[in-house]
Structures are given as C-alpha cells and as structure tokens.
C-alpha atoms as a PDB file:
ATOM      1  CA  MET A   1      -0.007  -0.001  -0.010  1.00  0.00           C
ATOM      2  CA  ILE A   2       1.251   3.501  -0.850  1.00  0.00           C
ATOM      3  CA  ILE A   3       0.078   7.093  -0.494  1.00  0.00           C
ATOM      4  CA  ILE A   4       0.097   9.529  -3.366  1.00  0.00           C
ATOM      5  CA  ILE A   5       0.543  13.244  -2.557  1.00  0.00           C
ATOM      6  CA  ASP A   6      -0.544  15.625  -5.316  1.00  0.00           C
ATOM      7  CA  SER A   7       0.129  19.105  -4.043  1.00  0.00           C
ATOM      8  CA  GLY A   8      -0.550  22.399  -5.829  1.00  0.00           C
ATOM      9  CA  SER A   9      -0.611  26.036  -4.992  1.00  0.00           C
ATOM     10  CA  THR A  10      -3.880  26.059  -3.036  1.00  0.00           C
ATOM     11  CA  GLN A  11      -4.794  22.511  -2.169  1.00  0.00           C
ATOM     12  CA  THR A  12      -3.336  19.034  -1.689  1.00  0.00           C
ATOM     13  CA  ARG A  13      -4.903  15.706  -2.626  1.00  0.00           C
ATOM     14  CA  LEU A  14      -3.936  12.479  -0.745  1.00  0.00           C
ATOM     15  CA  TYR A  15      -4.792   9.034  -2.193  1.00  0.00           C
ATOM     16  CA  LEU A  16      -4.405   5.667  -0.546  1.00  0.00           C
ATOM     17  CA  LEU A  17      -3.575   3.006  -3.129  1.00  0.00           C
ATOM     18  CA  ARG A  18      -3.621  -0.770  -2.776  1.00  0.00           C
ATOM     19  CA  ASP A  19      -2.611  -2.750  -5.880  1.00  0.00           C
ATOM     20  CA  GLU A  20      -3.318   0.206  -8.212  1.00  0.00           C
ATOM     21  CA  GLU A  21      -6.756   0.716  -6.763  1.00  0.00           C
ATOM     22  CA  ILE A  22      -7.772   3.868  -4.825  1.00  0.00           C
ATOM     23  CA  VAL A  23      -8.916   2.767  -1.406  1.00  0.00           C
ATOM     24  CA  ALA A  24      -9.539   6.249   0.000  1.00  0.00           C
ATOM     25  CA  GLU A  25      -8.755   9.875  -0.682  1.00  0.00           C
ATOM     26  CA  HIS A  26      -8.529  12.999   1.372  1.00  0.00           C
ATOM     27  CA  LEU A  27      -8.524  16.659   0.163  1.00  0.00           C
ATOM     28  CA  LEU A  28      -6.646  19.291   2.134  1.00  0.00           C
ATOM     29  CA  ALA A  29      -7.496  22.929   1.596  1.00  0.00           C
ATOM     30  CA  VAL A  30      -3.828  23.832   1.907  1.00  0.00           C
ATOM     31  CA  GLY A  31      -1.107  24.230  -0.709  1.00  0.00           C
ATOM     32  CA  VAL A  32       2.269  25.826  -0.980  1.00  0.00           C
ATOM     33  CA  ASN A  33       0.728  29.257  -1.481  1.00  0.00           C
ATOM     34  CA  SER A  34      -2.093  28.758   1.034  1.00  0.00           C
ATOM     35  CA  GLY A  35      -2.460  31.617   3.467  1.00  0.00           C
ATOM     36  CA  LYS A  36      -4.157  29.335   5.930  1.00  0.00           C
ATOM     37  CA  ALA A  37      -1.119  26.969   6.050  1.00  0.00           C
ATOM     38  CA  ARG A  38       1.273  29.849   6.397  1.00  0.00           C
ATOM     39  CA  SER A  39      -0.701  31.529   9.167  1.00  0.00           C
ATOM     40  CA  GLN A  40      -0.728  28.276  11.136  1.00  0.00           C
ATOM     41  CA  GLY A  41       3.062  28.292  10.746  1.00  0.00           C
ATOM     42  CA  ASP A  42       3.713  25.076   8.934  1.00  0.00           C
ATOM     43  CA  PHE A  43       2.712  23.549   5.584  1.00  0.00           C
ATOM     44  CA  ARG A  44       4.718  20.472   6.619  1.00  0.00           C
ATOM     45  CA  ASP A  45       2.539  19.792   9.716  1.00  0.00           C
ATOM     46  CA  ALA A  46      -0.639  20.277   7.667  1.00  0.00           C
ATOM     47  CA  ILE A  47       0.494  17.536   5.270  1.00  0.00           C
ATOM     48  CA  ALA A  48       1.471  15.249   8.134  1.00  0.00           C
ATOM     49  CA  ALA A  49      -1.867  15.831   9.818  1.00  0.00           C
ATOM     50  CA  GLY A  50      -3.748  15.067   6.607  1.00  0.00           C
ATOM     51  CA  ILE A  51      -1.867  11.772   6.153  1.00  0.00           C
ATOM     52  CA  SER A  52      -2.598  10.803   9.777  1.00  0.00           C
ATOM     53  CA  GLU A  53      -6.294  11.599   9.271  1.00  0.00           C
ATOM     54  CA  LEU A  54      -6.384   9.523   6.073  1.00  0.00           C
ATOM     55  CA  LEU A  55      -4.786   6.534   7.797  1.00  0.00           C
ATOM     56  CA  HIS A  56      -6.895   6.817  10.951  1.00  0.00           C
ATOM     57  CA  ALA A  57     -10.141   6.993   8.918  1.00  0.00           C
ATOM     58  CA  ASN A  58      -9.169   3.693   7.301  1.00  0.00           C
ATOM     59  CA  GLN A  59      -7.922   2.052  10.598  1.00  0.00           C
ATOM     60  CA  LEU A  60      -4.320   2.016   9.367  1.00  0.00           C
ATOM     61  CA  THR A  61      -0.952   3.188  10.653  1.00  0.00           C
ATOM     62  CA  THR A  62       2.225   4.308   8.825  1.00  0.00           C
ATOM     63  CA  GLY A  63       3.426   0.703   9.303  1.00  0.00           C
ATOM     64  CA  ASP A  64       0.805  -0.416   6.772  1.00  0.00           C
ATOM     65  CA  VAL A  65       2.180   1.945   4.085  1.00  0.00           C
ATOM     66  CA  ARG A  66       5.387   1.173   2.085  1.00  0.00           C
ATOM     67  CA  PHE A  67       6.005   4.824   1.220  1.00  0.00           C
ATOM     68  CA  ALA A  68       4.358   8.060   0.022  1.00  0.00           C
ATOM     69  CA  ILE A  69       5.136   9.452  -3.425  1.00  0.00           C
ATOM     70  CA  ALA A  70       4.847  13.175  -3.912  1.00  0.00           C
ATOM     71  CA  SER A  71       4.714  15.371  -7.023  1.00  0.00           C
ATOM     72  CA  GLY A  72       3.726  18.947  -7.807  1.00  0.00           C
ATOM     73  CA  MET A  73       4.647  22.163  -6.014  1.00  0.00           C
ATOM     74  CA  ILE A  74       5.525  20.194  -2.878  1.00  0.00           C
ATOM     75  CA  THR A  75       8.956  19.652  -4.528  1.00  0.00           C
ATOM     76  CA  SER A  76       9.483  23.420  -4.972  1.00  0.00           C
ATOM     77  CA  ASN A  77      11.259  25.816  -2.687  1.00  0.00           C
ATOM     78  CA  LEU A  78       7.794  26.569  -1.214  1.00  0.00           C
ATOM     79  CA  GLY A  79       7.058  22.900  -0.456  1.00  0.00           C
ATOM     80  CA  LEU A  80       8.452  20.171   1.828  1.00  0.00           C
ATOM     81  CA  LEU A  81      11.720  19.743   0.036  1.00  0.00           C
ATOM     82  CA  GLU A  82      13.155  21.529  -2.979  1.00  0.00           C
ATOM     83  CA  ILE A  83      14.126  19.037  -5.646  1.00  0.00           C
ATOM     84  CA  PRO A  84      15.973  20.488  -8.652  1.00  0.00           C
ATOM     85  CA  HIS A  85      14.319  20.273 -12.049  1.00  0.00           C
ATOM     86  CA  ILE A  86      15.853  17.793 -14.416  1.00  0.00           C
ATOM     87  CA  THR A  87      16.509  18.885 -17.994  1.00  0.00           C
ATOM     88  CA  ALA A  88      14.383  17.695 -20.872  1.00  0.00           C
ATOM     89  CA  PRO A  89      14.214  15.496 -22.813  1.00  0.00           C
ATOM     90  CA  VAL A  90      13.538  12.976 -20.101  1.00  0.00           C
ATOM     91  CA  SER A  91      12.650   9.275 -20.587  1.00  0.00           C
ATOM     92  CA  LEU A  92      10.458   7.403 -18.127  1.00  0.00           C
ATOM     93  CA  GLU A  93      13.496   5.508 -16.926  1.00  0.00           C
ATOM     94  CA  GLN A  94      15.421   8.712 -16.308  1.00  0.00           C
ATOM     95  CA  LEU A  95      12.507  10.252 -14.423  1.00  0.00           C
ATOM     96  CA  VAL A  96      12.182   7.207 -12.117  1.00  0.00           C
ATOM     97  CA  SER A  97      15.947   7.215 -11.517  1.00  0.00           C
ATOM     98  CA  ARG A  98      15.896  10.800 -10.317  1.00  0.00           C
ATOM     99  CA  VAL A  99      13.149  10.332  -7.716  1.00  0.00           C
ATOM    100  CA  VAL A 100      14.490  11.390  -4.267  1.00  0.00           C
ATOM    101  CA  LYS A 101      13.811   9.133  -1.306  1.00  0.00           C
ATOM    102  CA  VAL A 102      13.655  10.739   2.144  1.00  0.00           C
ATOM    103  CA  LYS A 103      12.782   9.622   5.585  1.00  0.00           C
ATOM    104  CA  ASP A 104      13.394  12.517   7.928  1.00  0.00           C
ATOM    105  CA  PRO A 105      11.086  13.868  10.637  1.00  0.00           C
ATOM    106  CA  ALA A 106      12.374  17.357   9.953  1.00  0.00           C
ATOM    107  CA  ILE A 107      10.837  17.151   6.495  1.00  0.00           C
ATOM    108  CA  LEU A 108       7.760  15.061   7.310  1.00  0.00           C
ATOM    109  CA  PRO A 109       7.126  14.406  11.018  1.00  0.00           C
ATOM    110  CA  LEU A 110       5.907  10.843  10.438  1.00  0.00           C
ATOM    111  CA  ASP A 111       7.524   7.430  10.477  1.00  0.00           C
ATOM    112  CA  LEU A 112       7.121   7.254   6.744  1.00  0.00           C
ATOM    113  CA  GLU A 113       9.439   7.437   3.736  1.00  0.00           C
ATOM    114  CA  ILE A 114       8.471   9.998   1.135  1.00  0.00           C
ATOM    115  CA  ARG A 115       9.595   9.856  -2.472  1.00  0.00           C
ATOM    116  CA  PHE A 116       9.691  13.121  -4.410  1.00  0.00           C
ATOM    117  CA  VAL A 117       9.209  13.172  -8.164  1.00  0.00           C
ATOM    118  CA  PRO A 118      11.277  16.004  -9.673  1.00  0.00           C
ATOM    119  CA  GLY A 119       9.897  18.566 -12.078  1.00  0.00           C
ATOM    120  CA  ILE A 120      11.274  19.071 -15.592  1.00  0.00           C
ATOM    121  CA  LYS A 121      12.686  22.141 -17.276  1.00  0.00           C
ATOM    122  CA  ASN A 122      13.309  22.893 -20.955  1.00  0.00           C
ATOM    123  CA  ALA A 123      16.825  22.587 -22.309  1.00  0.00           C
ATOM    124  CA  GLN A 124      18.569  25.919 -23.008  1.00  0.00           C
ATOM    125  CA  ALA A 125      21.409  26.296 -25.460  1.00  0.00           C
ATOM    126  CA  ASP A 126      22.746  29.260 -23.548  1.00  0.00           C
ATOM    127  CA  ARG A 127      21.919  30.744 -20.136  1.00  0.00           C
ATOM    128  CA  CYS A 128      21.424  34.230 -21.498  1.00  0.00           C
ATOM    129  CA  TRP A 129      18.590  36.719 -22.275  1.00  0.00           C
ATOM    130  CA  SER A 130      18.692  35.816 -25.940  1.00  0.00           C
ATOM    131  CA  SER A 131      17.422  32.305 -25.160  1.00  0.00           C
ATOM    132  CA  LEU A 132      14.579  33.657 -22.836  1.00  0.00           C
ATOM    133  CA  ARG A 133      11.748  32.097 -24.952  1.00  0.00           C
ATOM    134  CA  ASP A 134      13.279  28.652 -24.567  1.00  0.00           C
ATOM    135  CA  ILE A 135      12.666  28.622 -20.821  1.00  0.00           C
ATOM    136  CA  ASP A 136       9.821  26.648 -19.327  1.00  0.00           C
ATOM    137  CA  LEU A 137       9.226  24.619 -16.173  1.00  0.00           C
ATOM    138  CA  MET A 138       6.807  22.051 -14.870  1.00  0.00           C
ATOM    139  CA  ARG A 139       6.148  20.552 -11.472  1.00  0.00           C
ATOM    140  CA  GLY A 140       3.413  17.938 -11.248  1.00  0.00           C
ATOM    141  CA  GLU A 141       2.487  17.984 -14.951  1.00  0.00           C
ATOM    142  CA  GLU A 142       5.257  15.500 -15.676  1.00  0.00           C
ATOM    143  CA  THR A 143       3.477  12.982 -13.477  1.00  0.00           C
ATOM    144  CA  GLN A 144       0.223  13.627 -15.297  1.00  0.00           C
ATOM    145  CA  ALA A 145       1.999  13.179 -18.654  1.00  0.00           C
ATOM    146  CA  VAL A 146       3.328   9.796 -17.452  1.00  0.00           C
ATOM    147  CA  GLY A 147      -0.219   8.790 -16.502  1.00  0.00           C
ATOM    148  CA  LEU A 148      -1.454   9.852 -19.904  1.00  0.00           C
ATOM    149  CA  MET A 149       1.071   7.987 -21.996  1.00  0.00           C
ATOM    150  CA  THR A 150       1.211   4.800 -19.942  1.00  0.00           C
ATOM    151  CA  SER A 151      -2.517   4.268 -19.513  1.00  0.00           C
ATOM    152  CA  LEU A 152      -4.614   6.034 -22.141  1.00  0.00           C
ATOM    153  CA  TYR A 153      -2.729   7.188 -25.251  1.00  0.00           C
ATOM    154  CA  ARG A 154       0.260   5.110 -26.338  1.00  0.00           C
ATOM    155  CA  ASN A 155       0.595   6.432 -29.892  1.00  0.00           C
ATOM    156  CA  LEU A 156       3.644   8.698 -30.184  1.00  0.00           C
ATOM    157  CA  PRO A 157       4.486  11.510 -30.577  1.00  0.00           C
ATOM    158  CA  LEU A 158       1.812  12.962 -28.271  1.00  0.00           C
ATOM    159  CA  THR A 159       0.983  16.507 -27.198  1.00  0.00           C
ATOM    160  CA  MET A 160      -0.853  17.206 -23.986  1.00  0.00           C
ATOM    161  CA  ILE A 161      -2.443  20.613 -23.371  1.00  0.00           C
ATOM    162  CA  GLU A 162      -3.694  21.423 -19.911  1.00  0.00           C
ATOM    163  CA  LEU A 163      -6.266  24.179 -19.780  1.00  0.00           C
ATOM    164  CA  GLY A 164      -6.396  25.183 -16.115  1.00  0.00           C
ATOM    165  CA  SER A 165      -5.008  28.120 -14.142  1.00  0.00           C
ATOM    166  CA  THR A 166      -2.301  28.132 -16.807  1.00  0.00           C
ATOM    167  CA  THR A 167      -2.250  26.776 -20.308  1.00  0.00           C
ATOM    168  CA  LYS A 168       0.554  24.249 -20.490  1.00  0.00           C
ATOM    169  CA  LEU A 169       1.566  22.405 -23.634  1.00  0.00           C
ATOM    170  CA  ILE A 170       3.607  19.313 -22.891  1.00  0.00           C
ATOM    171  CA  HIS A 171       5.234  17.389 -25.715  1.00  0.00           C
ATOM    172  CA  ILE A 172       6.116  13.706 -25.606  1.00  0.00           C
ATOM    173  CA  ASP A 173       8.378  12.801 -28.493  1.00  0.00           C
ATOM    174  CA  ALA A 174       8.423   9.650 -30.682  1.00  0.00           C
ATOM    175  CA  GLN A 175      10.842   7.964 -28.245  1.00  0.00           C
ATOM    176  CA  GLY A 176       8.391   8.414 -25.377  1.00  0.00           C
ATOM    177  CA  ARG A 177      10.463  11.156 -23.718  1.00  0.00           C
ATOM    178  CA  ILE A 178       8.983  14.259 -22.092  1.00  0.00           C
ATOM    179  CA  ALA A 179      10.529  16.734 -24.528  1.00  0.00           C
ATOM    180  CA  GLY A 180       9.574  19.922 -22.721  1.00  0.00           C
ATOM    181  CA  SER A 181       6.753  22.319 -22.180  1.00  0.00           C
ATOM    182  CA  ILE A 182       5.414  25.783 -23.005  1.00  0.00           C
ATOM    183  CA  THR A 183       3.247  27.724 -20.579  1.00  0.00           C
ATOM    184  CA  SER A 184       1.078  30.782 -20.569  1.00  0.00           C
ATOM    185  CA  LEU A 185      -0.749  32.482 -17.751  1.00  0.00           C
ATOM    186  CA  SER A 186      -4.072  32.661 -19.574  1.00  0.00           C
ATOM    187  CA  GLY A 187      -6.231  30.893 -16.958  1.00  0.00           C
ATOM    188  CA  GLN A 188      -5.017  33.139 -14.128  1.00  0.00           C
ATOM    189  CA  VAL A 189      -5.293  36.268 -16.315  1.00  0.00           C
ATOM    190  CA  TYR A 190      -8.928  35.336 -17.131  1.00  0.00           C
ATOM    191  CA  ALA A 191      -9.698  34.924 -13.405  1.00  0.00           C
ATOM    192  CA  ALA A 192      -8.020  38.205 -12.575  1.00  0.00           C
ATOM    193  CA  VAL A 193      -9.805  40.143 -15.352  1.00  0.00           C
ATOM    194  CA  LYS A 194     -13.122  38.722 -14.228  1.00  0.00           C
ATOM    195  CA  LYS A 195     -12.636  39.341 -10.506  1.00  0.00           C
ATOM    196  CA  GLU A 196     -10.420  42.384 -10.251  1.00  0.00           C
ATOM    197  CA  THR A 197     -11.498  44.640 -13.157  1.00  0.00           C
ATOM    198  CA  PHE A 198     -14.748  46.367 -14.205  1.00  0.00           C
ATOM    199  CA  ILE A 199     -14.818  43.977 -17.184  1.00  0.00           C
ATOM    200  CA  GLY A 200     -16.202  41.308 -14.889  1.00  0.00           C
ATOM    201  CA  ALA A 201     -19.459  43.244 -14.467  1.00  0.00           C
ATOM    202  CA  SER A 202     -20.293  42.350 -18.075  1.00  0.00           C
ATOM    203  CA  MET A 203     -19.672  38.674 -17.636  1.00  0.00           C
ATOM    204  CA  LEU A 204     -21.375  35.662 -16.073  1.00  0.00           C
ATOM    205  CA  GLU A 205     -20.260  34.533 -12.627  1.00  0.00           C
ATOM    206  CA  GLU A 206     -20.113  30.969 -13.917  1.00  0.00           C
ATOM    207  CA  GLU A 207     -19.297  30.045 -17.521  1.00  0.00           C
ATOM    208  CA  ASP A 208     -21.931  28.317 -19.653  1.00  0.00           C
ATOM    209  CA  ASP A 209     -19.961  25.223 -20.718  1.00  0.00           C
ATOM    210  CA  ASP A 210     -22.580  24.278 -23.271  1.00  0.00           C
ATOM    211  CA  PHE A 211     -22.388  27.518 -25.282  1.00  0.00           C
ATOM    212  CA  PHE A 212     -20.195  27.751 -28.351  1.00  0.00           C
ATOM    213  CA  SER A 213     -20.077  30.282 -31.212  1.00  0.00           C
ATOM    214  CA  ALA A 214     -17.605  29.816 -34.058  1.00  0.00           C
ATOM    215  CA  ASP A 215     -18.357  33.371 -35.232  1.00  0.00           C
ATOM    216  CA  ILE A 216     -17.602  35.019 -31.865  1.00  0.00           C
ATOM    217  CA  LEU A 217     -14.438  32.929 -31.633  1.00  0.00           C
ATOM    218  CA  GLN A 218     -13.298  34.173 -35.001  1.00  0.00           C
ATOM    219  CA  TYR A 219     -14.145  37.824 -34.208  1.00  0.00           C
ATOM    220  CA  ALA A 220     -12.099  37.531 -31.020  1.00  0.00           C
ATOM    221  CA  CYS A 221      -9.185  35.968 -32.886  1.00  0.00           C
ATOM    222  CA  ASP A 222      -9.251  38.750 -35.513  1.00  0.00           C
ATOM    223  CA  SER A 223      -9.376  41.422 -32.810  1.00  0.00           C
ATOM    224  CA  VAL A 224      -6.406  39.941 -30.954  1.00  0.00           C
ATOM    225  CA  HIS A 225      -4.444  39.772 -34.191  1.00  0.00           C
ATOM    226  CA  HIS A 226      -5.098  43.410 -35.201  1.00  0.00           C
ATOM    227  CA  ALA A 227      -5.808  45.288 -31.999  1.00  0.00           C
ATOM    228  CA  GLY A 228      -3.859  43.219 -29.417  1.00  0.00           C
ATOM    229  CA  LEU A 229      -4.957  41.174 -26.474  1.00  0.00           C
ATOM    230  CA  LEU A 230      -5.365  43.922 -23.925  1.00  0.00           C
ATOM    231  CA  ARG A 231      -7.671  46.113 -26.114  1.00  0.00           C
ATOM    232  CA  THR A 232      -9.661  42.957 -27.091  1.00  0.00           C
ATOM    233  CA  LEU A 233     -10.288  42.074 -23.435  1.00  0.00           C
ATOM    234  CA  LEU A 234     -11.669  45.571 -22.929  1.00  0.00           C
ATOM    235  CA  PHE A 235     -14.178  44.963 -25.754  1.00  0.00           C
ATOM    236  CA  THR A 236     -15.830  42.427 -23.426  1.00  0.00           C
ATOM    237  CA  ARG A 237     -17.138  45.438 -21.493  1.00  0.00           C
ATOM    238  CA  PHE A 238     -17.691  47.817 -24.444  1.00  0.00           C
ATOM    239  CA  ILE A 239     -19.886  45.447 -26.461  1.00  0.00           C
ATOM    240  CA  GLU A 240     -22.429  45.283 -23.644  1.00  0.00           C
ATOM    241  CA  PHE A 241     -23.360  48.903 -24.584  1.00  0.00           C
ATOM    242  CA  SER A 242     -22.662  48.756 -28.306  1.00  0.00           C
ATOM    243  CA  LEU A 243     -23.868  45.395 -29.678  1.00  0.00           C
ATOM    244  CA  PRO A 244     -26.944  43.190 -29.204  1.00  0.00           C
ATOM    245  CA  CYS A 245     -25.296  40.501 -27.074  1.00  0.00           C
ATOM    246  CA  THR A 246     -25.855  38.447 -23.944  1.00  0.00           C
ATOM    247  CA  ALA A 247     -23.681  37.929 -20.860  1.00  0.00           C
ATOM    248  CA  VAL A 248     -23.144  34.335 -22.113  1.00  0.00           C
ATOM    249  CA  GLU A 249     -21.704  35.676 -25.388  1.00  0.00           C
ATOM    250  CA  ARG A 250     -19.549  38.324 -23.664  1.00  0.00           C
ATOM    251  CA  THR A 251     -18.083  35.748 -21.300  1.00  0.00           C
ATOM    252  CA  PHE A 252     -17.336  33.471 -24.247  1.00  0.00           C
ATOM    253  CA  PHE A 253     -15.700  36.388 -26.093  1.00  0.00           C
ATOM    254  CA  CYS A 254     -13.306  37.133 -23.221  1.00  0.00           C
ATOM    255  CA  GLN A 255     -12.253  33.475 -23.044  1.00  0.00           C
ATOM    256  CA  ALA A 256     -11.909  33.330 -26.790  1.00  0.00           C
ATOM    257  CA  ALA A 257      -9.560  36.285 -26.782  1.00  0.00           C
ATOM    258  CA  LEU A 258      -7.213  34.561 -24.385  1.00  0.00           C
ATOM    259  CA  ALA A 259      -7.479  31.309 -26.381  1.00  0.00           C
ATOM    260  CA  ALA A 260      -6.558  33.219 -29.568  1.00  0.00           C
ATOM    261  CA  ASP A 261      -3.517  34.700 -27.888  1.00  0.00           C
ATOM    262  CA  ASP A 262      -2.500  31.237 -26.678  1.00  0.00           C
ATOM    263  CA  MET A 263      -2.140  30.013 -30.223  1.00  0.00           C
ATOM    264  CA  LYS A 264       1.314  31.547 -30.011  1.00  0.00           C
ATOM    265  CA  LEU A 265       2.173  28.498 -27.814  1.00  0.00           C
ATOM    266  CA  PHE A 266       1.913  26.317 -30.911  1.00  0.00           C
ATOM    267  CA  ASP A 267       4.180  28.605 -32.866  1.00  0.00           C
ATOM    268  CA  GLU A 268       6.690  28.443 -29.940  1.00  0.00           C
ATOM    269  CA  ALA A 269       6.325  24.661 -29.856  1.00  0.00           C
ATOM    270  CA  GLU A 270       7.319  24.328 -33.501  1.00  0.00           C
ATOM    271  CA  ARG A 271      10.233  26.744 -32.974  1.00  0.00           C
ATOM    272  CA  LEU A 272      11.535  24.473 -30.162  1.00  0.00           C
ATOM    273  CA  GLY A 273      11.278  21.445 -32.419  1.00  0.00           C
ATOM    274  CA  PHE A 274       8.209  19.815 -30.867  1.00  0.00           C
ATOM    275  CA  SER A 275       6.476  17.736 -33.512  1.00  0.00           C
ATOM    276  CA  LEU A 276       2.741  18.522 -33.534  1.00  0.00           C
ATOM    277  CA  GLN A 277       1.865  15.821 -36.052  1.00  0.00           C
ATOM    278  CA  GLY A 278       0.676  13.227 -33.490  1.00  0.00           C
ATOM    279  CA  ASP A 279      -2.380  12.986 -31.273  1.00  0.00           C
ATOM    280  CA  ILE A 280      -3.323  15.990 -29.171  1.00  0.00           C
ATOM    281  CA  VAL A 281      -5.036  15.594 -25.773  1.00  0.00           C
ATOM    282  CA  LEU A 282      -6.759  18.616 -24.232  1.00  0.00           C
ATOM    283  CA  THR A 283      -7.695  18.557 -20.563  1.00  0.00           C
ATOM    284  CA  GLY A 284     -10.066  21.073 -18.976  1.00  0.00           C
ATOM    285  CA  LYS A 285     -13.544  22.494 -19.352  1.00  0.00           C
ATOM    286  CA  ARG A 286     -15.238  21.320 -22.595  1.00  0.00           C
ATOM    287  CA  GLN A 287     -15.874  24.856 -23.887  1.00  0.00           C
ATOM    288  CA  ARG A 288     -12.219  25.790 -23.692  1.00  0.00           C
ATOM    289  CA  CYS A 289     -11.195  22.504 -25.256  1.00  0.00           C
ATOM    290  CA  GLU A 290     -13.533  23.192 -28.179  1.00  0.00           C
ATOM    291  CA  MET A 291     -12.125  26.704 -28.593  1.00  0.00           C
ATOM    292  CA  TYR A 292      -8.531  25.512 -28.791  1.00  0.00           C
ATOM    293  CA  ARG A 293      -9.380  22.673 -31.190  1.00  0.00           C
ATOM    294  CA  SER A 294     -11.334  25.009 -33.475  1.00  0.00           C
ATOM    295  CA  LEU A 295      -8.554  27.671 -33.500  1.00  0.00           C
ATOM    296  CA  TRP A 296      -5.825  25.040 -33.946  1.00  0.00           C
ATOM    297  CA  ARG A 297      -7.532  23.620 -36.995  1.00  0.00           C
ATOM    298  CA  SER A 298      -8.480  26.911 -38.631  1.00  0.00           C
ATOM    299  CA  ARG A 299      -5.003  28.410 -38.071  1.00  0.00           C
ATOM    300  CA  TYR A 300      -2.812  25.440 -38.972  1.00  0.00           C
ATOM    301  CA  GLY A 301      -5.109  23.448 -41.271  1.00  0.00           C
ATOM    302  CA  LEU A 302      -4.174  20.210 -39.543  1.00  0.00           C
ATOM    303  CA  GLU A 303      -6.475  17.284 -38.872  1.00  0.00           C
ATOM    304  CA  ASN A 304      -4.631  15.551 -36.035  1.00  0.00           C
ATOM    305  CA  PRO A 305      -6.723  13.332 -33.791  1.00  0.00           C
ATOM    306  CA  VAL A 306      -7.833  15.547 -30.921  1.00  0.00           C
ATOM    307  CA  HIS A 307      -9.065  14.027 -27.667  1.00  0.00           C
ATOM    308  CA  PHE A 308     -10.780  15.747 -24.736  1.00  0.00           C
ATOM    309  CA  ILE A 309     -10.559  14.877 -21.030  1.00  0.00           C
ATOM    310  CA  CYS A 310     -13.126  17.124 -19.327  1.00  0.00           C
ATOM    311  CA  ASP A 311     -14.292  15.216 -16.320  1.00  0.00           C
ATOM    312  CA  LYS A 312     -12.553  16.410 -13.103  1.00  0.00           C
ATOM    313  CA  ASP A 313     -12.175  12.920 -11.780  1.00  0.00           C
ATOM    314  CA  GLU A 314     -10.640  11.695 -15.018  1.00  0.00           C
ATOM    315  CA  ILE A 315      -8.172  14.594 -15.064  1.00  0.00           C
ATOM    316  CA  ALA A 316      -7.280  13.797 -11.400  1.00  0.00           C
ATOM    317  CA  GLN A 317      -6.681  10.191 -12.426  1.00  0.00           C
ATOM    318  CA  LEU A 318      -3.827  11.209 -14.680  1.00  0.00           C
ATOM    319  CA  ALA A 319      -1.629  12.199 -11.699  1.00  0.00           C
ATOM    320  CA  ILE A 320      -2.700   9.126  -9.787  1.00  0.00           C
ATOM    321  CA  LYS A 321      -1.900   6.796 -12.619  1.00  0.00           C
ATOM    322  CA  GLY A 322       1.394   8.549 -13.320  1.00  0.00           C
ATOM    323  CA  ALA A 323       2.510   8.421  -9.708  1.00  0.00           C
ATOM    324  CA  GLY A 324       1.344   4.803  -9.464  1.00  0.00           C
ATOM    325  CA  TYR A 325       3.408   3.848 -12.555  1.00  0.00           C
ATOM    326  CA  ILE A 326       6.500   5.590 -11.222  1.00  0.00           C
ATOM    327  CA  ALA A 327       6.067   3.829  -7.850  1.00  0.00           C
ATOM    328  CA  ARG A 328       5.833   0.431  -9.481  1.00  0.00           C
ATOM    329  CA  GLN A 329       9.103   0.949 -11.337  1.00  0.00           C
ATOM    330  CA  MET A 330      10.988   1.608  -8.079  1.00  0.00           C
ATOM    331  CA  THR A 331      12.532  -0.970  -5.821  1.00  0.00           C
END
C-alpha cells in the first residue's frame, strides 16, 4: 500500500492506493501558497496531519504503508523539500531514477518514507537573455504526462495541453520522452480580469460550458491579431453597450480572446522542435477545449486526432496513474 501526494498552490490531494486501486482519498485545503497553512506556521505539519487523518479513517498506521510518493509544487522551494528540475528530454527511466527518497522527521514528522518526483525544465542552449523564450518549467504535470502515455494514449508523438490556471503544452516525442513544455498564464489572467477589473461586471459569474459560437471565436481571434490582447479584453465590456449580445456571449468572447492569444504557444512549440503531427489531448472544461481545437484547425489546417478529457475525476486520475506507474518501477 502506498500514499500519493498531489500538491498544488492552493490544495493538496492524498490518495491511498492498494494494488493500483484507490482505497480512499482526502482533500486538504492547503497548498504551498495557502495563506491558511502559512498563518498556522507550517505547511509540513498540515500535510502530516492530513496523512494521519487519512490513515486513521481507514484504521491504518504508517506501518501499513510502504511509502508516500509526492509530486507537484511540494517539490518546490515553497514545499516540503526543493528538488531541482531535471532537463528535458527525459525518458520514463530517467525520471524514475531521479526520484528522491527521504525519511526525515524534519521534512515530514511521520514514520514514513516519502519519495519526491522531480519537475522538468526545458533545455537551453545558452543561459542568457537571448534564449529567454526557450525557458519553461513544470512541477506535477510531468506525473500527469506519465499517467497519460502509460494508460490512455500510447501512440507517439503525443501533445498534452492542460487548460487550467495556466495553459501548459507538454510534448512527448516519438521515443516516449517528455521533450519539454510551453506555458502561458491565460487561466489566471482570465480569473483576474473577471474578478479584479470592471470587465467582470459584463460577464457571467459561472461560464456556460454548453455555449459555443464559431463566429464570436473568429471575431475575438481577428481582434487579438489586429488590436492586441489587452484592447480585445476591454471589448468584453464595451460590447455590452454597443452590440446586441448576452452575458453568455460576452463571457465566451473574453475566453476566446485569451485562447486566440494562446495560439502563440503552438508557434513556440514548433520553434523548439516539438512535433505537432501526433495525437493531441486537451484537458479542462469542454468549452475551452472546443475553442482550442477550433482555433488550432483553422489556423494550422491540420487534422490531427484531438481528444478531450473534461471530467474532473478523469483529469485527477492522470496524476494518480502517473505516480502509481513511477512507484511500481521503483525498488
């Protein structure tokens, strides 16, 4: 039996696994950036308490668990132990070999070994400003990528695009190596525009995931191309008083503008030598997935197989399956 720790910026998920099956799970409302955890003085103790609660609820002790395997921001300088990124391209064997095993009460105050999966960074020809656009980092997404290519999609090359608080394109090459990533801040920018600016007054509180308009998507794309992203975002507010439109359409327009700007990620991917000829897997809300697929096909004229993973539980399963696979490869 093992415990999987999937820790992000604001929350941490704990899973108890027996023979690849989830026996129990526990969600902690604390992450590496959690104000609650910091005010209590110790993210480390919050994780230890969560593990203890998970075990107690299932009438288990740490002696019943072989080890815990952790990925995500928990391996950053804000987490339990900073593990340096390894440089892409990275094979599955290389990733497994770089997992760091620790049993130290100063790091986790439990009688339990914890194994930290390192993040991955892009290769840089030179450490200088001229290679700025080559830089990218991932922590946690590498484990999701492992879960994707070892359980669901085995045809290579493969490109995974996560549409969450960031948009992250992760490429897996024909040799099954994680070749690198490209990230934008689009999800967090959308949340900030909606919450922190007057533009949000013209938008829905919750997106209508069933709505889709190819015309509005194209108008947003044209506006971003000619007027720029920032002016286009402002149109979300202006059109309420200038065009016959609904809040559903305005909310869609704002998201479409950010999706249009994100198409630059594909240009950057090709510049870095990532082959975009294989299958593409989009994870996130269905409306956003549809936007990206439509823009991808209209802009590049490609007909790659495109797959959606939109169910939250299925998305969470990627990290679980990835961590489980890594754990099984270790002695």
